[in-house]
Amino acid sequence: MDDFKLKLFLSVLGGIVFSFVFILLAFALPLDKKQEIIKKPKNKLEHVAKSMRER
């Protein structure tokens, strides 16, 4: 009976660790490859360049 409890405990612990690894990977890996970083223009030249791109 002691051997069965040890196997059960190790199976449950292994399942928890396995799930935890995949949960961490879900948060660590990006969802999609294309991510645009939109930054606000800081000076007048960047404002002009942004307005020219939007045309």
PDB file of N, CA and C in Angstrom:
ATOM      1  N   MET A   1       0.827  -1.193   0.000  1.00  0.00           N
ATOM      2  CA  MET A   1       0.000   0.000   0.000  1.00  0.00           C
ATOM      3  C   MET A   1       0.872   1.257   0.000  1.00  0.00           C
ATOM      4  N   ASP A   2       2.016   1.199   0.668  1.00  0.00           N
ATOM      5  CA  ASP A   2       2.907   2.358   0.730  1.00  0.00           C
ATOM      6  C   ASP A   2       3.454   2.688  -0.650  1.00  0.00           C
ATOM      7  N   ASP A   3       3.746   1.666  -1.451  1.00  0.00           N
ATOM      8  CA  ASP A   3       4.243   1.867  -2.810  1.00  0.00           C
ATOM      9  C   ASP A   3       3.181   2.528  -3.690  1.00  0.00           C
ATOM     10  N   PHE A   4       1.942   2.142  -3.500  1.00  0.00           N
ATOM     11  CA  PHE A   4       0.848   2.727  -4.269  1.00  0.00           C
ATOM     12  C   PHE A   4       0.678   4.211  -3.934  1.00  0.00           C
ATOM     13  N   LYS A   5       0.774   4.570  -2.677  1.00  0.00           N
ATOM     14  CA  LYS A   5       0.643   5.980  -2.265  1.00  0.00           C
ATOM     15  C   LYS A   5       1.785   6.821  -2.834  1.00  0.00           C
ATOM     16  N   LEU A   6       2.985   6.246  -2.872  1.00  0.00           N
ATOM     17  CA  LEU A   6       4.127   6.958  -3.434  1.00  0.00           C
ATOM     18  C   LEU A   6       3.926   7.200  -4.928  1.00  0.00           C
ATOM     19  N   LYS A   7       3.466   6.181  -5.655  1.00  0.00           N
ATOM     20  CA  LYS A   7       3.211   6.337  -7.085  1.00  0.00           C
ATOM     21  C   LYS A   7       2.096   7.352  -7.339  1.00  0.00           C
ATOM     22  N   LEU A   8       1.081   7.324  -6.528  1.00  0.00           N
ATOM     23  CA  LEU A   8      -0.020   8.269  -6.671  1.00  0.00           C
ATOM     24  C   LEU A   8       0.453   9.694  -6.407  1.00  0.00           C
ATOM     25  N   PHE A   9       1.231   9.855  -5.356  1.00  0.00           N
ATOM     26  CA  PHE A   9       1.764  11.170  -5.014  1.00  0.00           C
ATOM     27  C   PHE A   9       2.664  11.706  -6.121  1.00  0.00           C
ATOM     28  N   LEU A  10       3.548  10.865  -6.650  1.00  0.00           N
ATOM     29  CA  LEU A  10       4.439  11.290  -7.724  1.00  0.00           C
ATOM     30  C   LEU A  10       3.675  11.603  -9.011  1.00  0.00           C
ATOM     31  N   SER A  11       2.608  10.859  -9.275  1.00  0.00           N
ATOM     32  CA  SER A  11       1.794  11.137 -10.462  1.00  0.00           C
ATOM     33  C   SER A  11       1.095  12.481 -10.347  1.00  0.00           C
ATOM     34  N   VAL A  12       0.537  12.765  -9.192  1.00  0.00           N
ATOM     35  CA  VAL A  12      -0.144  14.044  -8.975  1.00  0.00           C
ATOM     36  C   VAL A  12       0.864  15.190  -9.028  1.00  0.00           C
ATOM     37  N   LEU A  13       2.002  15.013  -8.388  1.00  0.00           N
ATOM     38  CA  LEU A  13       3.031  16.046  -8.395  1.00  0.00           C
ATOM     39  C   LEU A  13       3.563  16.286  -9.806  1.00  0.00           C
ATOM     40  N   GLY A  14       3.757  15.239 -10.561  1.00  0.00           N
ATOM     41  CA  GLY A  14       4.204  15.380 -11.946  1.00  0.00           C
ATOM     42  C   GLY A  14       3.171  16.107 -12.799  1.00  0.00           C
ATOM     43  N   GLY A  15       1.901  15.821 -12.589  1.00  0.00           N
ATOM     44  CA  GLY A  15       0.840  16.514 -13.318  1.00  0.00           C
ATOM     45  C   GLY A  15       0.800  17.995 -12.988  1.00  0.00           C
ATOM     46  N   ILE A  16       0.992  18.332 -11.736  1.00  0.00           N
ATOM     47  CA  ILE A  16       0.987  19.735 -11.321  1.00  0.00           C
ATOM     48  C   ILE A  16       2.169  20.478 -11.942  1.00  0.00           C
ATOM     49  N   VAL A  17       3.343  19.878 -11.889  1.00  0.00           N
ATOM     50  CA  VAL A  17       4.533  20.513 -12.458  1.00  0.00           C
ATOM     51  C   VAL A  17       4.380  20.662 -13.969  1.00  0.00           C
ATOM     52  N   PHE A  18       3.878  19.642 -14.627  1.00  0.00           N
ATOM     53  CA  PHE A  18       3.668  19.673 -16.075  1.00  0.00           C
ATOM     54  C   PHE A  18       2.695  20.794 -16.455  1.00  0.00           C
ATOM     55  N   SER A  19       1.602  20.919 -15.705  1.00  0.00           N
ATOM     56  CA  SER A  19       0.631  21.981 -15.961  1.00  0.00           C
ATOM     57  C   SER A  19       1.235  23.350 -15.706  1.00  0.00           C
ATOM     58  N   PHE A  20       2.011  23.474 -14.657  1.00  0.00           N
ATOM     59  CA  PHE A  20       2.626  24.752 -14.301  1.00  0.00           C
ATOM     60  C   PHE A  20       3.578  25.228 -15.394  1.00  0.00           C
ATOM     61  N   VAL A  21       4.322  24.297 -15.982  1.00  0.00           N
ATOM     62  CA  VAL A  21       5.251  24.655 -17.062  1.00  0.00           C
ATOM     63  C   VAL A  21       4.475  25.212 -18.255  1.00  0.00           C
ATOM     64  N   PHE A  22       3.368  24.577 -18.617  1.00  0.00           N
ATOM     65  CA  PHE A  22       2.599  25.062 -19.752  1.00  0.00           C
ATOM     66  C   PHE A  22       1.893  26.378 -19.455  1.00  0.00           C
ATOM     67  N   ILE A  23       1.479  26.599 -18.231  1.00  0.00           N
ATOM     68  CA  ILE A  23       0.888  27.886 -17.861  1.00  0.00           C
ATOM     69  C   ILE A  23       1.934  28.985 -17.975  1.00  0.00           C
ATOM     70  N   LEU A  24       3.155  28.724 -17.515  1.00  0.00           N
ATOM     71  CA  LEU A  24       4.216  29.719 -17.641  1.00  0.00           C
ATOM     72  C   LEU A  24       4.558  29.995 -19.099  1.00  0.00           C
ATOM     73  N   LEU A  25       4.569  28.965 -19.926  1.00  0.00           N
ATOM     74  CA  LEU A  25       4.838  29.162 -21.347  1.00  0.00           C
ATOM     75  C   LEU A  25       3.747  29.984 -22.018  1.00  0.00           C
ATOM     76  N   ALA A  26       2.512  29.812 -21.592  1.00  0.00           N
ATOM     77  CA  ALA A  26       1.410  30.585 -22.176  1.00  0.00           C
ATOM     78  C   ALA A  26       1.577  32.067 -21.884  1.00  0.00           C
ATOM     79  N   PHE A  27       2.104  32.408 -20.728  1.00  0.00           N
ATOM     80  CA  PHE A  27       2.313  33.816 -20.404  1.00  0.00           C
ATOM     81  C   PHE A  27       3.609  34.356 -21.002  1.00  0.00           C
ATOM     82  N   ALA A  28       4.599  33.508 -21.181  1.00  0.00           N
ATOM     83  CA  ALA A  28       5.905  33.976 -21.635  1.00  0.00           C
ATOM     84  C   ALA A  28       5.968  34.146 -23.152  1.00  0.00           C
ATOM     85  N   LEU A  29       5.297  33.289 -23.901  1.00  0.00           N
ATOM     86  CA  LEU A  29       5.387  33.348 -25.355  1.00  0.00           C
ATOM     87  C   LEU A  29       4.365  34.325 -25.916  1.00  0.00           C
ATOM     88  N   PRO A  30       4.737  35.075 -26.944  1.00  0.00           N
ATOM     89  CA  PRO A  30       3.784  36.027 -27.532  1.00  0.00           C
ATOM     90  C   PRO A  30       2.681  35.304 -28.294  1.00  0.00           C
ATOM     91  N   LEU A  31       1.559  35.976 -28.423  1.00  0.00           N
ATOM     92  CA  LEU A  31       0.416  35.391 -29.092  1.00  0.00           C
ATOM     93  C   LEU A  31       0.594  35.343 -30.604  1.00  0.00           C
ATOM     94  N   ASP A  32       1.081  36.416 -31.169  1.00  0.00           N
ATOM     95  CA  ASP A  32       1.298  36.443 -32.606  1.00  0.00           C
ATOM     96  C   ASP A  32       2.673  37.031 -32.904  1.00  0.00           C
ATOM     97  N   LYS A  33       3.117  36.818 -34.108  1.00  0.00           N
ATOM     98  CA  LYS A  33       4.465  37.257 -34.478  1.00  0.00           C
ATOM     99  C   LYS A  33       4.518  38.754 -34.772  1.00  0.00           C
ATOM    100  N   LYS A  34       3.432  39.295 -35.344  1.00  0.00           N
ATOM    101  CA  LYS A  34       3.439  40.699 -35.733  1.00  0.00           C
ATOM    102  C   LYS A  34       2.898  41.561 -34.589  1.00  0.00           C
ATOM    103  N   GLN A  35       3.780  42.274 -33.947  1.00  0.00           N
ATOM    104  CA  GLN A  35       3.383  43.203 -32.909  1.00  0.00           C
ATOM    105  C   GLN A  35       3.986  44.561 -33.243  1.00  0.00           C
ATOM    106  N   GLU A  36       3.132  45.537 -33.438  1.00  0.00           N
ATOM    107  CA  GLU A  36       3.598  46.877 -33.741  1.00  0.00           C
ATOM    108  C   GLU A  36       3.686  47.682 -32.454  1.00  0.00           C
ATOM    109  N   ILE A  37       4.764  48.375 -32.313  1.00  0.00           N
ATOM    110  CA  ILE A  37       4.933  49.252 -31.173  1.00  0.00           C
ATOM    111  C   ILE A  37       4.601  50.660 -31.646  1.00  0.00           C
ATOM    112  N   ILE A  38       3.544  51.213 -31.096  1.00  0.00           N
ATOM    113  CA  ILE A  38       3.110  52.542 -31.492  1.00  0.00           C
ATOM    114  C   ILE A  38       3.613  53.530 -30.446  1.00  0.00           C
ATOM    115  N   LYS A  39       4.489  54.404 -30.882  1.00  0.00           N
ATOM    116  CA  LYS A  39       4.998  55.403 -29.949  1.00  0.00           C
ATOM    117  C   LYS A  39       4.548  56.784 -30.393  1.00  0.00           C
ATOM    118  N   LYS A  40       4.370  57.643 -29.444  1.00  0.00           N
ATOM    119  CA  LYS A  40       3.926  59.000 -29.738  1.00  0.00           C
ATOM    120  C   LYS A  40       5.112  59.830 -30.201  1.00  0.00           C
ATOM    121  N   PRO A  41       4.864  60.723 -31.179  1.00  0.00           N
ATOM    122  CA  PRO A  41       5.953  61.589 -31.636  1.00  0.00           C
ATOM    123  C   PRO A  41       6.399  62.545 -30.533  1.00  0.00           C
ATOM    124  N   LYS A  42       7.706  62.743 -30.448  1.00  0.00           N
ATOM    125  CA  LYS A  42       8.263  63.562 -29.373  1.00  0.00           C
ATOM    126  C   LYS A  42       8.550  64.999 -29.818  1.00  0.00           C
ATOM    127  N   ASN A  43       8.932  65.159 -31.080  1.00  0.00           N
ATOM    128  CA  ASN A  43       9.274  66.506 -31.526  1.00  0.00           C
ATOM    129  C   ASN A  43       8.527  66.841 -32.810  1.00  0.00           C
ATOM    130  N   LYS A  44       8.765  68.032 -33.332  1.00  0.00           N
ATOM    131  CA  LYS A  44       8.021  68.517 -34.492  1.00  0.00           C
ATOM    132  C   LYS A  44       8.314  67.686 -35.742  1.00  0.00           C
ATOM    133  N   LEU A  45       9.555  67.260 -35.923  1.00  0.00           N
ATOM    134  CA  LEU A  45       9.904  66.454 -37.088  1.00  0.00           C
ATOM    135  C   LEU A  45       9.158  65.117 -37.086  1.00  0.00           C
ATOM    136  N   GLU A  46       9.041  64.493 -35.941  1.00  0.00           N
ATOM    137  CA  GLU A  46       8.303  63.231 -35.847  1.00  0.00           C
ATOM    138  C   GLU A  46       6.815  63.449 -36.100  1.00  0.00           C
ATOM    139  N   HIS A  47       6.277  64.584 -35.663  1.00  0.00           N
ATOM    140  CA  HIS A  47       4.867  64.908 -35.947  1.00  0.00           C
ATOM    141  C   HIS A  47       4.636  65.038 -37.447  1.00  0.00           C
ATOM    142  N   VAL A  48       5.539  65.733 -38.124  1.00  0.00           N
ATOM    143  CA  VAL A  48       5.405  65.921 -39.575  1.00  0.00           C
ATOM    144  C   VAL A  48       5.529  64.584 -40.289  1.00  0.00           C
ATOM    145  N   ALA A  49       6.491  63.759 -39.884  1.00  0.00           N
ATOM    146  CA  ALA A  49       6.677  62.452 -40.513  1.00  0.00           C
ATOM    147  C   ALA A  49       5.457  61.568 -40.309  1.00  0.00           C
ATOM    148  N   LYS A  50       4.859  61.628 -39.131  1.00  0.00           N
ATOM    149  CA  LYS A  50       3.669  60.814 -38.851  1.00  0.00           C
ATOM    150  C   LYS A  50       2.503  61.285 -39.707  1.00  0.00           C
ATOM    151  N   SER A  51       2.328  62.587 -39.830  1.00  0.00           N
ATOM    152  CA  SER A  51       1.210  63.094 -40.629  1.00  0.00           C
ATOM    153  C   SER A  51       1.400  62.755 -42.117  1.00  0.00           C
ATOM    154  N   MET A  52       2.654  62.748 -42.577  1.00  0.00           N
ATOM    155  CA  MET A  52       2.908  62.371 -43.966  1.00  0.00           C
ATOM    156  C   MET A  52       2.626  60.889 -44.224  1.00  0.00           C
ATOM    157  N   ARG A  53       2.912  60.043 -43.255  1.00  0.00           N
ATOM    158  CA  ARG A  53       2.644  58.609 -43.395  1.00  0.00           C
ATOM    159  C   ARG A  53       1.140  58.327 -43.404  1.00  0.00           C
ATOM    160  N   GLU A  54       0.372  59.114 -42.643  1.00  0.00           N
ATOM    161  CA  GLU A  54      -1.062  58.878 -42.536  1.00  0.00           C
ATOM    162  C   GLU A  54      -1.817  59.315 -43.777  1.00  0.00           C
ATOM    163  N   ARG A  55      -1.220  60.100 -44.626  1.00  0.00           N
ATOM    164  CA  ARG A  55      -1.902  60.567 -45.841  1.00  0.00           C
ATOM    165  C   ARG A  55      -2.195  59.474 -46.765  1.00  0.00           C
TER     166      ARG A  55
END
